[in-house]
Amino acid sequence: MNGVRIAFASTDRSTVNQHFGSTEAFAIFEIGADTSQLVEVTEFIDTAQDGNENKLPAKIATLAGCAAVYCLAVGASAVKQLLAAGVQPIRVEEGRAIDGLIGELQSELASGPGGWLAKAIKDRQPADTGRFDEMEAEGWQE
């Protein structure tokens, strides 16, 4: 599947209903232009909102390979750490349906993604080393 992995902070796997730092679970989907599949559910214990920054690295580590995480809210420290890990945090209103958000992503994938989604897809493509061979064949010099 030529798509992206997206995480949703959700306890019911159908709506976004959790803050990033205190989320009890992530539902992770592989999303393509015309397909989507739940590929992983990660659950956490002891997620009280106590300002404990030590929980963030473990949560961020579970998002390895994800292009974005949808959540109700995310603190400044978490935003910095997510962006450093290559994960775009996206805040949505409580109760947004995951199916609807997936539909929006699929429409954007089908019509040509922009912004963070375009960057995420580009970052996941293997490097094109053939372009240097083409330049050399055209007579380019260093």
N, C-alpha and C. Protein backbone atom coordinates (compact mmCIF):
# COMPACT_ATOMS: atom_id res chain seq x y z
N MET A 1 0.85 -1.18 0.00
CA MET A 1 0.00 0.00 0.00
C MET A 1 0.89 1.24 0.00
N ASN A 2 0.63 2.13 -0.92
CA ASN A 2 1.40 3.37 -0.98
C ASN A 2 0.61 4.44 -0.23
N GLY A 3 0.70 4.41 1.08
CA GLY A 3 -0.06 5.35 1.87
C GLY A 3 0.74 5.81 3.06
N VAL A 4 0.03 6.24 4.08
CA VAL A 4 0.66 6.76 5.28
C VAL A 4 0.04 6.10 6.51
N ARG A 5 0.83 6.07 7.57
CA ARG A 5 0.35 5.58 8.85
C ARG A 5 -0.07 6.78 9.68
N ILE A 6 -1.28 6.74 10.20
CA ILE A 6 -1.82 7.84 10.99
C ILE A 6 -2.35 7.26 12.30
N ALA A 7 -2.03 7.95 13.41
CA ALA A 7 -2.51 7.52 14.73
C ALA A 7 -3.63 8.45 15.18
N PHE A 8 -4.57 7.88 15.91
CA PHE A 8 -5.68 8.63 16.47
C PHE A 8 -5.74 8.35 17.96
N ALA A 9 -5.75 9.40 18.79
CA ALA A 9 -5.86 9.25 20.24
C ALA A 9 -7.32 8.95 20.54
N SER A 10 -7.59 7.67 20.84
CA SER A 10 -8.98 7.23 20.93
C SER A 10 -9.12 6.02 21.86
N THR A 11 -10.14 6.05 22.70
CA THR A 11 -10.41 4.88 23.55
C THR A 11 -11.41 3.94 22.90
N ASP A 12 -12.17 4.43 21.92
CA ASP A 12 -13.22 3.59 21.32
C ASP A 12 -12.94 3.19 19.87
N ARG A 13 -11.82 3.62 19.33
CA ARG A 13 -11.40 3.31 17.95
C ARG A 13 -12.35 3.84 16.89
N SER A 14 -13.28 4.71 17.29
CA SER A 14 -14.19 5.27 16.29
C SER A 14 -14.22 6.79 16.33
N THR A 15 -13.83 7.41 17.47
CA THR A 15 -13.78 8.86 17.55
C THR A 15 -12.46 9.29 18.20
N VAL A 16 -12.03 10.52 17.87
CA VAL A 16 -10.88 11.11 18.55
C VAL A 16 -11.43 11.68 19.86
N ASN A 17 -10.98 11.13 21.01
CA ASN A 17 -11.56 11.53 22.28
C ASN A 17 -10.53 11.65 23.41
N GLN A 18 -9.25 11.82 23.07
CA GLN A 18 -8.22 11.87 24.09
C GLN A 18 -7.21 12.99 23.82
N HIS A 19 -6.65 13.53 24.90
CA HIS A 19 -5.52 14.45 24.81
C HIS A 19 -4.28 13.60 24.56
N PHE A 20 -3.29 14.13 23.86
CA PHE A 20 -2.10 13.33 23.54
C PHE A 20 -1.41 12.79 24.79
N GLY A 21 -1.05 13.68 25.72
CA GLY A 21 -0.25 13.26 26.87
C GLY A 21 -0.94 12.30 27.80
N SER A 22 -2.27 12.35 27.86
CA SER A 22 -2.99 11.48 28.78
C SER A 22 -3.79 10.40 28.05
N THR A 23 -3.52 10.20 26.77
CA THR A 23 -4.31 9.22 26.02
C THR A 23 -4.16 7.83 26.61
N GLU A 24 -5.25 7.11 26.58
CA GLU A 24 -5.24 5.73 27.04
C GLU A 24 -4.91 4.77 25.90
N ALA A 25 -5.08 5.24 24.65
CA ALA A 25 -4.83 4.35 23.51
C ALA A 25 -4.65 5.14 22.23
N PHE A 26 -3.89 4.55 21.31
CA PHE A 26 -3.78 5.04 19.94
C PHE A 26 -4.32 3.95 19.02
N ALA A 27 -5.18 4.35 18.08
CA ALA A 27 -5.60 3.46 17.00
C ALA A 27 -4.78 3.91 15.79
N ILE A 28 -3.97 3.00 15.25
CA ILE A 28 -3.08 3.35 14.14
C ILE A 28 -3.58 2.69 12.86
N PHE A 29 -3.79 3.54 11.86
CA PHE A 29 -4.31 3.09 10.57
C PHE A 29 -3.27 3.29 9.48
N GLU A 30 -3.27 2.38 8.51
CA GLU A 30 -2.52 2.55 7.26
C GLU A 30 -3.56 3.06 6.26
N ILE A 31 -3.30 4.25 5.70
CA ILE A 31 -4.30 4.89 4.86
C ILE A 31 -3.73 5.16 3.48
N GLY A 32 -4.43 4.69 2.46
CA GLY A 32 -4.09 4.95 1.07
C GLY A 32 -5.22 5.74 0.43
N ALA A 33 -5.07 6.09 -0.83
CA ALA A 33 -6.06 6.91 -1.52
C ALA A 33 -7.44 6.25 -1.54
N ASP A 34 -7.49 4.92 -1.60
CA ASP A 34 -8.80 4.26 -1.64
C ASP A 34 -8.91 3.08 -0.67
N THR A 35 -7.99 2.98 0.26
CA THR A 35 -8.05 1.91 1.25
C THR A 35 -7.62 2.44 2.62
N SER A 36 -8.10 1.80 3.65
CA SER A 36 -7.61 2.08 5.00
C SER A 36 -7.76 0.81 5.82
N GLN A 37 -6.82 0.63 6.73
CA GLN A 37 -6.84 -0.58 7.53
C GLN A 37 -6.28 -0.27 8.92
N LEU A 38 -6.99 -0.72 9.96
CA LEU A 38 -6.48 -0.62 11.31
C LEU A 38 -5.34 -1.61 11.43
N VAL A 39 -4.12 -1.12 11.72
CA VAL A 39 -2.96 -2.01 11.76
C VAL A 39 -2.44 -2.24 13.18
N GLU A 40 -2.81 -1.36 14.11
CA GLU A 40 -2.30 -1.53 15.46
C GLU A 40 -3.13 -0.71 16.44
N VAL A 41 -3.30 -1.25 17.63
CA VAL A 41 -3.89 -0.50 18.73
C VAL A 41 -2.91 -0.59 19.88
N THR A 42 -2.48 0.56 20.39
CA THR A 42 -1.55 0.61 21.50
C THR A 42 -2.30 1.17 22.70
N GLU A 43 -2.27 0.45 23.81
CA GLU A 43 -2.95 0.92 25.01
C GLU A 43 -1.94 1.22 26.10
N PHE A 44 -2.25 2.23 26.90
CA PHE A 44 -1.36 2.66 27.98
C PHE A 44 -2.09 2.54 29.31
N ILE A 45 -1.33 2.31 30.36
CA ILE A 45 -1.90 2.31 31.70
C ILE A 45 -1.34 3.49 32.47
N ASP A 46 -2.04 3.91 33.51
CA ASP A 46 -1.60 5.02 34.35
C ASP A 46 -1.34 6.27 33.54
N THR A 47 -2.41 6.85 32.98
CA THR A 47 -2.25 8.00 32.09
C THR A 47 -2.83 9.28 32.66
N ALA A 48 -2.87 9.41 33.97
CA ALA A 48 -3.42 10.63 34.58
C ALA A 48 -2.67 11.86 34.08
N GLN A 49 -3.40 12.97 33.93
CA GLN A 49 -2.79 14.23 33.50
C GLN A 49 -2.09 14.86 34.69
N ASP A 50 -0.86 14.45 34.95
CA ASP A 50 -0.14 14.96 36.11
C ASP A 50 1.06 15.80 35.71
N GLY A 51 1.18 16.11 34.42
CA GLY A 51 2.31 16.90 33.98
C GLY A 51 3.61 16.10 33.94
N ASN A 52 3.51 14.80 34.05
CA ASN A 52 4.70 13.94 34.06
C ASN A 52 5.24 13.81 32.64
N GLU A 53 6.30 14.52 32.34
CA GLU A 53 6.90 14.52 31.00
C GLU A 53 7.55 13.19 30.66
N ASN A 54 7.82 12.34 31.65
CA ASN A 54 8.51 11.08 31.40
C ASN A 54 7.67 10.11 30.59
N LYS A 55 6.36 10.34 30.53
CA LYS A 55 5.49 9.45 29.76
C LYS A 55 5.56 9.74 28.26
N LEU A 56 5.97 10.96 27.91
CA LEU A 56 5.95 11.35 26.50
C LEU A 56 6.86 10.51 25.61
N PRO A 57 8.12 10.25 26.00
CA PRO A 57 8.98 9.47 25.10
C PRO A 57 8.40 8.11 24.74
N ALA A 58 7.78 7.43 25.69
CA ALA A 58 7.20 6.12 25.40
C ALA A 58 6.04 6.24 24.42
N LYS A 59 5.22 7.25 24.60
CA LYS A 59 4.09 7.45 23.68
C LYS A 59 4.59 7.81 22.30
N ILE A 60 5.58 8.69 22.24
CA ILE A 60 6.12 9.11 20.94
C ILE A 60 6.79 7.92 20.25
N ALA A 61 7.46 7.07 21.03
CA ALA A 61 8.12 5.89 20.45
C ALA A 61 7.11 4.95 19.80
N THR A 62 5.90 4.86 20.37
CA THR A 62 4.88 3.97 19.78
C THR A 62 4.39 4.49 18.44
N LEU A 63 4.67 5.76 18.15
CA LEU A 63 4.21 6.36 16.89
C LEU A 63 5.27 6.31 15.79
N ALA A 64 6.35 5.57 16.03
CA ALA A 64 7.40 5.45 15.00
C ALA A 64 6.77 4.97 13.70
N GLY A 65 7.07 5.67 12.62
CA GLY A 65 6.51 5.29 11.32
C GLY A 65 5.20 5.99 11.00
N CYS A 66 4.62 6.68 11.98
CA CYS A 66 3.38 7.41 11.74
C CYS A 66 3.71 8.81 11.20
N ALA A 67 2.88 9.27 10.28
CA ALA A 67 3.07 10.60 9.72
C ALA A 67 2.42 11.66 10.60
N ALA A 68 1.36 11.28 11.33
CA ALA A 68 0.62 12.25 12.14
C ALA A 68 -0.11 11.55 13.26
N VAL A 69 -0.48 12.35 14.26
CA VAL A 69 -1.34 11.86 15.33
C VAL A 69 -2.45 12.90 15.53
N TYR A 70 -3.68 12.43 15.49
CA TYR A 70 -4.84 13.28 15.73
C TYR A 70 -5.22 13.15 17.20
N CYS A 71 -5.44 14.29 17.87
CA CYS A 71 -5.79 14.27 19.28
C CYS A 71 -6.60 15.52 19.61
N LEU A 72 -7.16 15.58 20.83
CA LEU A 72 -7.95 16.74 21.24
C LEU A 72 -7.08 17.91 21.59
N ALA A 73 -5.93 17.63 22.20
CA ALA A 73 -5.01 18.70 22.61
C ALA A 73 -3.63 18.09 22.75
N VAL A 74 -2.62 18.96 22.67
CA VAL A 74 -1.24 18.50 22.82
C VAL A 74 -0.42 19.68 23.34
N GLY A 75 0.37 19.42 24.37
CA GLY A 75 1.16 20.48 24.97
C GLY A 75 2.35 20.88 24.13
N ALA A 76 2.91 22.05 24.42
CA ALA A 76 4.03 22.59 23.65
C ALA A 76 5.23 21.65 23.66
N SER A 77 5.54 21.08 24.82
CA SER A 77 6.68 20.17 24.92
C SER A 77 6.46 18.94 24.04
N ALA A 78 5.25 18.40 24.07
CA ALA A 78 4.93 17.23 23.26
C ALA A 78 4.99 17.56 21.77
N VAL A 79 4.52 18.76 21.39
CA VAL A 79 4.57 19.18 19.98
C VAL A 79 6.01 19.16 19.50
N LYS A 80 6.91 19.76 20.28
CA LYS A 80 8.33 19.79 19.88
C LYS A 80 8.89 18.39 19.71
N GLN A 81 8.58 17.51 20.67
CA GLN A 81 9.11 16.14 20.60
C GLN A 81 8.51 15.36 19.44
N LEU A 82 7.22 15.55 19.18
CA LEU A 82 6.58 14.87 18.05
C LEU A 82 7.19 15.32 16.73
N LEU A 83 7.32 16.64 16.55
CA LEU A 83 7.88 17.16 15.30
C LEU A 83 9.31 16.66 15.11
N ALA A 84 10.08 16.60 16.20
CA ALA A 84 11.46 16.10 16.11
C ALA A 84 11.48 14.64 15.69
N ALA A 85 10.43 13.90 16.03
CA ALA A 85 10.33 12.48 15.66
C ALA A 85 9.68 12.30 14.29
N GLY A 86 9.34 13.41 13.63
CA GLY A 86 8.74 13.32 12.29
C GLY A 86 7.25 13.03 12.30
N VAL A 87 6.58 13.30 13.43
CA VAL A 87 5.14 13.06 13.54
C VAL A 87 4.42 14.40 13.68
N GLN A 88 3.48 14.67 12.79
CA GLN A 88 2.73 15.93 12.80
C GLN A 88 1.56 15.81 13.78
N PRO A 89 1.53 16.63 14.85
CA PRO A 89 0.37 16.60 15.74
C PRO A 89 -0.78 17.42 15.13
N ILE A 90 -1.99 16.89 15.19
CA ILE A 90 -3.14 17.58 14.62
C ILE A 90 -4.27 17.57 15.66
N ARG A 91 -4.70 18.77 16.06
CA ARG A 91 -5.78 18.89 17.04
C ARG A 91 -7.12 18.93 16.32
N VAL A 92 -8.07 18.19 16.86
CA VAL A 92 -9.43 18.19 16.30
C VAL A 92 -10.42 18.35 17.45
N GLU A 93 -11.65 18.68 17.10
CA GLU A 93 -12.71 18.83 18.10
C GLU A 93 -13.10 17.46 18.64
N GLU A 94 -13.49 17.45 19.92
CA GLU A 94 -13.88 16.19 20.56
C GLU A 94 -15.02 15.52 19.81
N GLY A 95 -14.91 14.21 19.67
CA GLY A 95 -15.96 13.43 19.04
C GLY A 95 -15.86 13.32 17.53
N ARG A 96 -14.81 13.90 16.92
CA ARG A 96 -14.65 13.76 15.46
C ARG A 96 -14.51 12.28 15.12
N ALA A 97 -15.27 11.83 14.16
CA ALA A 97 -15.25 10.42 13.76
C ALA A 97 -13.96 10.10 13.00
N ILE A 98 -13.31 9.03 13.41
CA ILE A 98 -12.08 8.60 12.74
C ILE A 98 -12.36 8.29 11.27
N ASP A 99 -13.50 7.64 10.99
CA ASP A 99 -13.84 7.32 9.59
C ASP A 99 -13.92 8.59 8.74
N GLY A 100 -14.48 9.66 9.30
CA GLY A 100 -14.57 10.92 8.57
C GLY A 100 -13.21 11.54 8.31
N LEU A 101 -12.34 11.48 9.33
CA LEU A 101 -10.98 12.01 9.16
C LEU A 101 -10.20 11.20 8.14
N ILE A 102 -10.38 9.88 8.16
CA ILE A 102 -9.72 9.02 7.16
C ILE A 102 -10.23 9.38 5.77
N GLY A 103 -11.53 9.62 5.64
CA GLY A 103 -12.10 10.02 4.35
C GLY A 103 -11.49 11.30 3.83
N GLU A 104 -11.29 12.28 4.73
CA GLU A 104 -10.66 13.55 4.34
C GLU A 104 -9.23 13.31 3.86
N LEU A 105 -8.49 12.45 4.58
CA LEU A 105 -7.11 12.14 4.18
C LEU A 105 -7.08 11.43 2.83
N GLN A 106 -8.02 10.51 2.62
CA GLN A 106 -8.07 9.78 1.35
C GLN A 106 -8.37 10.72 0.19
N SER A 107 -9.26 11.68 0.41
CA SER A 107 -9.56 12.66 -0.64
C SER A 107 -8.32 13.46 -0.98
N GLU A 108 -7.57 13.87 0.06
CA GLU A 108 -6.36 14.64 -0.17
C GLU A 108 -5.30 13.79 -0.87
N LEU A 109 -5.18 12.52 -0.47
CA LEU A 109 -4.21 11.63 -1.13
C LEU A 109 -4.57 11.45 -2.60
N ALA A 110 -5.86 11.30 -2.90
CA ALA A 110 -6.30 11.07 -4.28
C ALA A 110 -6.12 12.31 -5.15
N SER A 111 -6.31 13.51 -4.55
CA SER A 111 -6.25 14.72 -5.36
C SER A 111 -4.86 15.36 -5.38
N GLY A 112 -3.93 14.81 -4.63
CA GLY A 112 -2.59 15.37 -4.58
C GLY A 112 -2.40 16.07 -3.25
N PRO A 113 -1.72 15.42 -2.33
CA PRO A 113 -1.58 15.96 -0.98
C PRO A 113 -0.73 17.23 -0.94
N GLY A 114 -1.01 18.06 0.05
CA GLY A 114 -0.24 19.27 0.28
C GLY A 114 0.24 19.30 1.72
N GLY A 115 1.01 20.30 2.06
CA GLY A 115 1.45 20.52 3.43
C GLY A 115 2.16 19.34 4.07
N TRP A 116 1.81 19.07 5.33
CA TRP A 116 2.48 18.01 6.08
C TRP A 116 2.29 16.65 5.43
N LEU A 117 1.14 16.42 4.78
CA LEU A 117 0.88 15.11 4.18
C LEU A 117 1.81 14.88 2.98
N ALA A 118 2.01 15.89 2.17
CA ALA A 118 2.93 15.76 1.03
C ALA A 118 4.34 15.49 1.52
N LYS A 119 4.74 16.20 2.57
CA LYS A 119 6.09 16.00 3.14
C LYS A 119 6.22 14.58 3.68
N ALA A 120 5.19 14.09 4.37
CA ALA A 120 5.24 12.75 4.95
C ALA A 120 5.39 11.69 3.86
N ILE A 121 4.68 11.85 2.76
CA ILE A 121 4.78 10.88 1.67
C ILE A 121 6.16 10.95 1.03
N LYS A 122 6.65 12.17 0.81
CA LYS A 122 7.98 12.33 0.20
C LYS A 122 9.05 11.71 1.10
N ASP A 123 8.94 11.92 2.41
CA ASP A 123 9.93 11.38 3.34
C ASP A 123 9.95 9.86 3.37
N ARG A 124 8.83 9.25 2.97
CA ARG A 124 8.75 7.79 3.02
C ARG A 124 9.15 7.12 1.71
N GLN A 125 9.40 7.95 0.68
CA GLN A 125 9.82 7.40 -0.61
C GLN A 125 11.32 7.12 -0.56
N PRO A 126 11.77 6.04 -1.20
CA PRO A 126 13.21 5.80 -1.26
C PRO A 126 13.89 6.91 -2.06
N ALA A 127 15.10 7.22 -1.71
CA ALA A 127 15.85 8.26 -2.41
C ALA A 127 16.04 7.86 -3.87
N ASP A 128 15.87 8.82 -4.75
CA ASP A 128 16.04 8.57 -6.18
C ASP A 128 17.49 8.88 -6.57
N THR A 129 18.31 7.84 -6.58
CA THR A 129 19.72 8.05 -6.93
C THR A 129 19.91 8.08 -8.45
N GLY A 130 18.93 7.61 -9.21
CA GLY A 130 19.03 7.59 -10.66
C GLY A 130 19.10 8.98 -11.27
N ARG A 131 18.57 9.99 -10.58
CA ARG A 131 18.57 11.34 -11.16
C ARG A 131 19.99 11.85 -11.35
N PHE A 132 20.93 11.43 -10.47
CA PHE A 132 22.32 11.86 -10.63
C PHE A 132 22.94 11.21 -11.87
N ASP A 133 22.59 9.96 -12.13
CA ASP A 133 23.06 9.29 -13.34
C ASP A 133 22.54 10.01 -14.58
N GLU A 134 21.26 10.43 -14.52
CA GLU A 134 20.67 11.15 -15.65
C GLU A 134 21.40 12.48 -15.88
N MET A 135 21.72 13.18 -14.79
CA MET A 135 22.43 14.46 -14.91
C MET A 135 23.82 14.24 -15.52
N GLU A 136 24.48 13.18 -15.08
CA GLU A 136 25.82 12.91 -15.59
C GLU A 136 25.75 12.58 -17.09
N ALA A 137 24.71 11.81 -17.47
CA ALA A 137 24.53 11.45 -18.87
C ALA A 137 24.28 12.68 -19.73
N GLU A 138 23.69 13.72 -19.14
CA GLU A 138 23.42 14.95 -19.86
C GLU A 138 24.64 15.87 -19.91
N GLY A 139 25.71 15.42 -19.26
CA GLY A 139 26.95 16.20 -19.32
C GLY A 139 27.15 17.16 -18.16
N TRP A 140 26.41 17.01 -17.09
CA TRP A 140 26.59 17.88 -15.93
C TRP A 140 27.92 17.58 -15.26
N GLN A 141 28.57 18.60 -14.84
CA GLN A 141 29.84 18.46 -14.11
C GLN A 141 29.68 19.04 -12.72
N GLU A 142 30.45 18.51 -11.78
CA GLU A 142 30.42 19.05 -10.40
C GLU A 142 31.07 20.40 -10.36
